[in-house]
Amino acid sequence: MRKNKSSKSWIIQQHRDKYFKEAKSSGYRSRSAYKLLELNEKFKFLNNCHSVIDLGSSPGGWSQAIKRNTKNCKILAIDIKEMEKINGIDFLRCDFLEDNSKEKILKFFNDKADVLVSDMAANTTGNKDLDCIRTNLLCSEVINFSRFVVKKGGTVIAKLFNGYDFLDVKKLAEKKFEKVNFFKPNSSKDFSKETYIHCKGFKTL
């Protein structure tokens, strides 16, 4: 009974959600597409962009937003789950932490990419502190991974949570990139601890 009430409450909240409604009317697969649009409005990383990696892409809302806001841009969506086909977007089903994933990505672009974006979060456990730690660890892994597949002057956008390990992620990013900023889009729900890190230009090791 509780589960049914909870499910009904979630459905009602979704239908009252401004961005959920806009996503439905605009043909986006998820409301998170508007987070990507706000991030791009803030940081302009899709301007003159020719290659993008959408890491953890399913169901495809971010890939759709990238496609609609770029011209002549090669987009590679990557996820461990299947993603329904989107015209003009290539999809690679793999775990980016697997040893051969870097080679697959580099082969696809025949070079490193201009931009890597990630809206990934760890699967929820019901323990908010643990979920925060696991998602921020994932963000750290994205940052470390990006050096192998993103150009020296490129951009990385990734989700993280305010809470445990936030400062560790910040320090890691500042060690590797010339510019590091944080931004919480208006389309991110008020109660959510999520924010996004924007990293630009790798430092010389």
C-alpha atoms as a PDB file:
ATOM      1  CA  MET A   1       0.000   0.000   0.000  1.00  0.00           C
ATOM      2  CA  ARG A   2       2.770   2.439   0.943  1.00  0.00           C
ATOM      3  CA  LYS A   3       4.623   1.677  -2.275  1.00  0.00           C
ATOM      4  CA  ASN A   4       1.488   2.366  -4.346  1.00  0.00           C
ATOM      5  CA  LYS A   5       0.924   5.683  -2.570  1.00  0.00           C
ATOM      6  CA  SER A   6       4.564   6.624  -3.078  1.00  0.00           C
ATOM      7  CA  SER A   7       4.370   5.756  -6.785  1.00  0.00           C
ATOM      8  CA  LYS A   8       1.191   7.790  -7.237  1.00  0.00           C
ATOM      9  CA  SER A   9       2.750  10.745  -5.402  1.00  0.00           C
ATOM     10  CA  TRP A  10       5.819  10.610  -7.695  1.00  0.00           C
ATOM     11  CA  ILE A  11       3.603  10.540 -10.804  1.00  0.00           C
ATOM     12  CA  ILE A  12       1.588  13.543  -9.569  1.00  0.00           C
ATOM     13  CA  GLN A  13       4.765  15.499  -8.815  1.00  0.00           C
ATOM     14  CA  GLN A  14       6.144  14.730 -12.265  1.00  0.00           C
ATOM     15  CA  HIS A  15       3.032  15.991 -14.011  1.00  0.00           C
ATOM     16  CA  ARG A  16       3.107  19.189 -11.965  1.00  0.00           C
ATOM     17  CA  ASP A  17       6.793  19.688 -12.822  1.00  0.00           C
ATOM     18  CA  LYS A  18       7.368  22.548 -15.287  1.00  0.00           C
ATOM     19  CA  TYR A  19      10.427  20.955 -16.885  1.00  0.00           C
ATOM     20  CA  PHE A  20       8.782  17.540 -17.131  1.00  0.00           C
ATOM     21  CA  LYS A  21       5.922  19.125 -19.087  1.00  0.00           C
ATOM     22  CA  GLU A  22       8.287  21.098 -21.306  1.00  0.00           C
ATOM     23  CA  ALA A  23      10.369  18.000 -22.018  1.00  0.00           C
ATOM     24  CA  LYS A  24       7.247  16.089 -23.066  1.00  0.00           C
ATOM     25  CA  SER A  25       6.041  18.877 -25.357  1.00  0.00           C
ATOM     26  CA  SER A  26       9.494  19.429 -26.881  1.00  0.00           C
ATOM     27  CA  GLY A  27      10.142  15.751 -27.529  1.00  0.00           C
ATOM     28  CA  TYR A  28      13.023  15.377 -25.086  1.00  0.00           C
ATOM     29  CA  ARG A  29      13.365  11.960 -23.504  1.00  0.00           C
ATOM     30  CA  SER A  30      14.041  13.406 -20.059  1.00  0.00           C
ATOM     31  CA  ARG A  31      13.638  16.689 -18.157  1.00  0.00           C
ATOM     32  CA  SER A  32      17.407  16.631 -17.579  1.00  0.00           C
ATOM     33  CA  ALA A  33      17.832  17.960 -21.118  1.00  0.00           C
ATOM     34  CA  TYR A  34      17.111  21.394 -19.634  1.00  0.00           C
ATOM     35  CA  LYS A  35      20.003  21.021 -17.212  1.00  0.00           C
ATOM     36  CA  LEU A  36      22.317  20.547 -20.180  1.00  0.00           C
ATOM     37  CA  LEU A  37      20.810  23.573 -21.930  1.00  0.00           C
ATOM     38  CA  GLU A  38      21.297  25.754 -18.840  1.00  0.00           C
ATOM     39  CA  LEU A  39      24.860  24.520 -18.416  1.00  0.00           C
ATOM     40  CA  ASN A  40      25.617  25.393 -22.031  1.00  0.00           C
ATOM     41  CA  GLU A  41      24.010  28.817 -21.666  1.00  0.00           C
ATOM     42  CA  LYS A  42      26.301  29.422 -18.681  1.00  0.00           C
ATOM     43  CA  PHE A  43      29.575  28.028 -20.071  1.00  0.00           C
ATOM     44  CA  LYS A  44      29.091  28.039 -23.896  1.00  0.00           C
ATOM     45  CA  PHE A  45      30.918  24.725 -24.308  1.00  0.00           C
ATOM     46  CA  LEU A  46      28.911  23.697 -27.381  1.00  0.00           C
ATOM     47  CA  ASN A  47      29.937  26.803 -29.333  1.00  0.00           C
ATOM     48  CA  ASN A  48      32.089  25.723 -32.307  1.00  0.00           C
ATOM     49  CA  CYS A  49      32.159  22.199 -30.892  1.00  0.00           C
ATOM     50  CA  HIS A  50      32.932  19.395 -33.362  1.00  0.00           C
ATOM     51  CA  SER A  51      32.982  16.305 -31.125  1.00  0.00           C
ATOM     52  CA  VAL A  52      31.160  15.385 -27.910  1.00  0.00           C
ATOM     53  CA  ILE A  53      31.111  12.359 -25.622  1.00  0.00           C
ATOM     54  CA  ASP A  54      27.861  11.908 -23.677  1.00  0.00           C
ATOM     55  CA  LEU A  55      28.880   9.548 -20.881  1.00  0.00           C
ATOM     56  CA  GLY A  56      26.065   7.652 -19.181  1.00  0.00           C
ATOM     57  CA  SER A  57      23.719   8.840 -21.912  1.00  0.00           C
ATOM     58  CA  SER A  58      20.561   6.750 -21.455  1.00  0.00           C
ATOM     59  CA  PRO A  59      17.728   7.562 -22.001  1.00  0.00           C
ATOM     60  CA  GLY A  60      19.206  10.224 -24.307  1.00  0.00           C
ATOM     61  CA  GLY A  61      17.913  13.629 -23.175  1.00  0.00           C
ATOM     62  CA  TRP A  62      21.377  15.189 -23.064  1.00  0.00           C
ATOM     63  CA  SER A  63      22.313  13.705 -26.442  1.00  0.00           C
ATOM     64  CA  GLN A  64      19.151  15.194 -27.956  1.00  0.00           C
ATOM     65  CA  ALA A  65      19.934  18.617 -26.488  1.00  0.00           C
ATOM     66  CA  ILE A  66      23.503  18.478 -27.825  1.00  0.00           C
ATOM     67  CA  LYS A  67      22.292  17.466 -31.282  1.00  0.00           C
ATOM     68  CA  ARG A  68      19.769  20.315 -31.436  1.00  0.00           C
ATOM     69  CA  ASN A  69      22.324  22.915 -30.363  1.00  0.00           C
ATOM     70  CA  THR A  70      25.323  22.026 -32.534  1.00  0.00           C
ATOM     71  CA  LYS A  71      26.127  21.903 -36.231  1.00  0.00           C
ATOM     72  CA  ASN A  72      28.411  19.375 -37.888  1.00  0.00           C
ATOM     73  CA  CYS A  73      29.173  17.894 -34.480  1.00  0.00           C
ATOM     74  CA  LYS A  74      30.073  14.236 -34.060  1.00  0.00           C
ATOM     75  CA  ILE A  75      28.295  12.880 -30.970  1.00  0.00           C
ATOM     76  CA  LEU A  76      29.078   9.593 -29.255  1.00  0.00           C
ATOM     77  CA  ALA A  77      26.626   8.480 -26.564  1.00  0.00           C
ATOM     78  CA  ILE A  78      27.957   5.849 -24.142  1.00  0.00           C
ATOM     79  CA  ASP A  79      26.139   3.765 -21.550  1.00  0.00           C
ATOM     80  CA  ILE A  80      26.211   0.313 -19.986  1.00  0.00           C
ATOM     81  CA  LYS A  81      22.476   0.096 -20.779  1.00  0.00           C
ATOM     82  CA  GLU A  82      20.877   0.101 -24.195  1.00  0.00           C
ATOM     83  CA  MET A  83      19.619   3.421 -25.541  1.00  0.00           C
ATOM     84  CA  GLU A  84      16.953   3.783 -28.175  1.00  0.00           C
ATOM     85  CA  LYS A  85      18.341   5.133 -31.444  1.00  0.00           C
ATOM     86  CA  ILE A  86      18.526   8.906 -31.968  1.00  0.00           C
ATOM     87  CA  ASN A  87      19.108  10.093 -35.527  1.00  0.00           C
ATOM     88  CA  GLY A  88      22.519  11.686 -35.975  1.00  0.00           C
ATOM     89  CA  ILE A  89      23.941  10.229 -32.766  1.00  0.00           C
ATOM     90  CA  ASP A  90      26.179   7.183 -32.510  1.00  0.00           C
ATOM     91  CA  PHE A  91      25.833   4.895 -29.510  1.00  0.00           C
ATOM     92  CA  LEU A  92      28.432   2.682 -27.858  1.00  0.00           C
ATOM     93  CA  ARG A  93      27.304   0.233 -25.211  1.00  0.00           C
ATOM     94  CA  CYS A  94      30.164  -0.243 -22.782  1.00  0.00           C
ATOM     95  CA  ASP A  95      31.471   0.558 -19.312  1.00  0.00           C
ATOM     96  CA  PHE A  96      33.817   3.533 -19.603  1.00  0.00           C
ATOM     97  CA  LEU A  97      35.966   2.009 -16.835  1.00  0.00           C
ATOM     98  CA  GLU A  98      36.743  -1.087 -18.918  1.00  0.00           C
ATOM     99  CA  ASP A  99      40.325  -1.256 -20.195  1.00  0.00           C
ATOM    100  CA  ASN A 100      39.429  -1.106 -23.893  1.00  0.00           C
ATOM    101  CA  SER A 101      36.846   1.711 -23.702  1.00  0.00           C
ATOM    102  CA  LYS A 102      39.439   4.459 -24.294  1.00  0.00           C
ATOM    103  CA  GLU A 103      40.622   2.785 -27.491  1.00  0.00           C
ATOM    104  CA  LYS A 104      37.038   2.428 -28.786  1.00  0.00           C
ATOM    105  CA  ILE A 105      36.350   6.120 -28.209  1.00  0.00           C
ATOM    106  CA  LEU A 106      39.610   7.319 -29.772  1.00  0.00           C
ATOM    107  CA  LYS A 107      39.023   5.070 -32.778  1.00  0.00           C
ATOM    108  CA  PHE A 108      35.523   6.482 -33.244  1.00  0.00           C
ATOM    109  CA  PHE A 109      36.685  10.119 -33.301  1.00  0.00           C
ATOM    110  CA  ASN A 110      40.085   9.369 -34.853  1.00  0.00           C
ATOM    111  CA  ASP A 111      41.267  11.848 -32.218  1.00  0.00           C
ATOM    112  CA  LYS A 112      40.296  13.090 -28.775  1.00  0.00           C
ATOM    113  CA  ALA A 113      36.939  14.871 -28.296  1.00  0.00           C
ATOM    114  CA  ASP A 114      36.323  18.587 -27.710  1.00  0.00           C
ATOM    115  CA  VAL A 115      33.816  18.003 -24.902  1.00  0.00           C
ATOM    116  CA  LEU A 116      32.823  15.286 -22.456  1.00  0.00           C
ATOM    117  CA  VAL A 117      29.551  15.580 -20.528  1.00  0.00           C
ATOM    118  CA  SER A 118      28.250  13.270 -17.825  1.00  0.00           C
ATOM    119  CA  ASP A 119      24.936  13.309 -15.976  1.00  0.00           C
ATOM    120  CA  MET A 120      25.723  10.014 -14.270  1.00  0.00           C
ATOM    121  CA  ALA A 121      24.838   9.254 -10.666  1.00  0.00           C
ATOM    122  CA  ALA A 122      25.359   6.019  -8.784  1.00  0.00           C
ATOM    123  CA  ASN A 123      22.325   3.785  -8.293  1.00  0.00           C
ATOM    124  CA  THR A 124      20.510   4.818  -5.134  1.00  0.00           C
ATOM    125  CA  THR A 125      20.729   2.632  -2.036  1.00  0.00           C
ATOM    126  CA  GLY A 126      18.350   4.543   0.245  1.00  0.00           C
ATOM    127  CA  ASN A 127      21.310   5.815   2.264  1.00  0.00           C
ATOM    128  CA  LYS A 128      21.798   9.435   1.169  1.00  0.00           C
ATOM    129  CA  ASP A 129      25.318   9.721   2.577  1.00  0.00           C
ATOM    130  CA  LEU A 130      26.422   6.554   0.823  1.00  0.00           C
ATOM    131  CA  ASP A 131      24.765   7.632  -2.426  1.00  0.00           C
ATOM    132  CA  CYS A 132      26.628  10.945  -2.218  1.00  0.00           C
ATOM    133  CA  ILE A 133      29.975   9.198  -1.701  1.00  0.00           C
ATOM    134  CA  ARG A 134      29.377   6.764  -4.575  1.00  0.00           C
ATOM    135  CA  THR A 135      28.268   9.473  -7.021  1.00  0.00           C
ATOM    136  CA  ASN A 136      31.214  11.721  -6.158  1.00  0.00           C
ATOM    137  CA  LEU A 137      33.570   8.784  -6.622  1.00  0.00           C
ATOM    138  CA  LEU A 138      31.995   8.300 -10.052  1.00  0.00           C
ATOM    139  CA  CYS A 139      32.569  11.990 -10.812  1.00  0.00           C
ATOM    140  CA  SER A 140      36.236  11.591  -9.841  1.00  0.00           C
ATOM    141  CA  GLU A 141      36.505   8.624 -12.198  1.00  0.00           C
ATOM    142  CA  VAL A 142      35.010  10.710 -15.018  1.00  0.00           C
ATOM    143  CA  ILE A 143      37.562  13.460 -14.379  1.00  0.00           C
ATOM    144  CA  ASN A 144      40.459  10.992 -14.400  1.00  0.00           C
ATOM    145  CA  PHE A 145      39.108   9.257 -17.504  1.00  0.00           C
ATOM    146  CA  SER A 146      38.657  12.524 -19.402  1.00  0.00           C
ATOM    147  CA  ARG A 147      42.403  13.116 -19.755  1.00  0.00           C
ATOM    148  CA  PHE A 148      42.626  10.092 -22.070  1.00  0.00           C
ATOM    149  CA  VAL A 149      39.751  11.088 -24.387  1.00  0.00           C
ATOM    150  CA  VAL A 150      39.390  14.899 -24.265  1.00  0.00           C
ATOM    151  CA  LYS A 151      41.650  17.404 -26.038  1.00  0.00           C
ATOM    152  CA  LYS A 152      44.102  19.516 -24.031  1.00  0.00           C
ATOM    153  CA  GLY A 153      41.948  22.636 -24.297  1.00  0.00           C
ATOM    154  CA  GLY A 154      38.693  20.714 -24.019  1.00  0.00           C
ATOM    155  CA  THR A 155      35.809  20.852 -21.573  1.00  0.00           C
ATOM    156  CA  VAL A 156      34.411  18.372 -19.051  1.00  0.00           C
ATOM    157  CA  ILE A 157      30.989  18.669 -17.407  1.00  0.00           C
ATOM    158  CA  ALA A 158      29.991  16.156 -14.716  1.00  0.00           C
ATOM    159  CA  LYS A 159      27.428  15.725 -11.963  1.00  0.00           C
ATOM    160  CA  LEU A 160      28.376  15.580  -8.297  1.00  0.00           C
ATOM    161  CA  PHE A 161      26.643  16.057  -4.946  1.00  0.00           C
ATOM    162  CA  ASN A 162      27.248  18.601  -2.220  1.00  0.00           C
ATOM    163  CA  GLY A 163      28.266  16.528   0.769  1.00  0.00           C
ATOM    164  CA  TYR A 164      30.824  13.840   1.487  1.00  0.00           C
ATOM    165  CA  ASP A 165      33.917  13.948  -0.754  1.00  0.00           C
ATOM    166  CA  PHE A 166      32.822  17.148  -2.536  1.00  0.00           C
ATOM    167  CA  LEU A 167      36.050  18.909  -1.586  1.00  0.00           C
ATOM    168  CA  ASP A 168      38.085  15.890  -2.693  1.00  0.00           C
ATOM    169  CA  VAL A 169      36.510  16.078  -6.152  1.00  0.00           C
ATOM    170  CA  LYS A 170      37.127  19.836  -6.255  1.00  0.00           C
ATOM    171  CA  LYS A 171      40.808  19.382  -5.346  1.00  0.00           C
ATOM    172  CA  LEU A 172      41.217  16.644  -7.953  1.00  0.00           C
ATOM    173  CA  ALA A 173      39.699  18.841 -10.666  1.00  0.00           C
ATOM    174  CA  GLU A 174      41.796  21.867  -9.688  1.00  0.00           C
ATOM    175  CA  LYS A 175      44.909  19.708  -9.850  1.00  0.00           C
ATOM    176  CA  LYS A 176      44.144  18.649 -13.415  1.00  0.00           C
ATOM    177  CA  PHE A 177      42.404  21.666 -15.015  1.00  0.00           C
ATOM    178  CA  GLU A 178      43.168  25.350 -15.526  1.00  0.00           C
ATOM    179  CA  LYS A 179      39.580  26.406 -14.834  1.00  0.00           C
ATOM    180  CA  VAL A 180      37.084  24.777 -12.468  1.00  0.00           C
ATOM    181  CA  ASN A 181      33.586  26.123 -11.761  1.00  0.00           C
ATOM    182  CA  PHE A 182      30.374  24.823 -10.201  1.00  0.00           C
ATOM    183  CA  PHE A 183      26.789  25.473 -11.264  1.00  0.00           C
ATOM    184  CA  LYS A 184      23.366  24.251 -10.160  1.00  0.00           C
ATOM    185  CA  PRO A 185      20.783  24.710 -12.952  1.00  0.00           C
ATOM    186  CA  ASN A 186      17.321  26.061 -12.152  1.00  0.00           C
ATOM    187  CA  SER A 187      15.911  22.865 -13.636  1.00  0.00           C
ATOM    188  CA  SER A 188      17.653  20.866 -10.907  1.00  0.00           C
ATOM    189  CA  LYS A 189      15.067  20.183  -8.209  1.00  0.00           C
ATOM    190  CA  ASP A 190      15.319  22.422  -5.149  1.00  0.00           C
ATOM    191  CA  PHE A 191      15.660  19.549  -2.688  1.00  0.00           C
ATOM    192  CA  SER A 192      18.415  17.866  -4.700  1.00  0.00           C
ATOM    193  CA  LYS A 193      22.029  18.119  -3.548  1.00  0.00           C
ATOM    194  CA  GLU A 194      23.241  17.755  -7.111  1.00  0.00           C
ATOM    195  CA  THR A 195      25.422  20.331  -8.775  1.00  0.00           C
ATOM    196  CA  TYR A 196      27.677  20.241 -11.841  1.00  0.00           C
ATOM    197  CA  ILE A 197      31.381  20.778 -12.198  1.00  0.00           C
ATOM    198  CA  HIS A 198      32.714  22.584 -15.268  1.00  0.00           C
ATOM    199  CA  CYS A 199      36.377  21.935 -16.069  1.00  0.00           C
ATOM    200  CA  LYS A 200      38.289  23.607 -18.881  1.00  0.00           C
ATOM    201  CA  GLY A 201      41.834  23.134 -20.204  1.00  0.00           C
ATOM    202  CA  PHE A 202      44.124  20.445 -18.848  1.00  0.00           C
ATOM    203  CA  LYS A 203      47.172  21.553 -16.926  1.00  0.00           C
ATOM    204  CA  THR A 204      50.550  20.401 -18.176  1.00  0.00           C
ATOM    205  CA  LEU A 205      51.762  17.502 -16.068  1.00  0.00           C
END
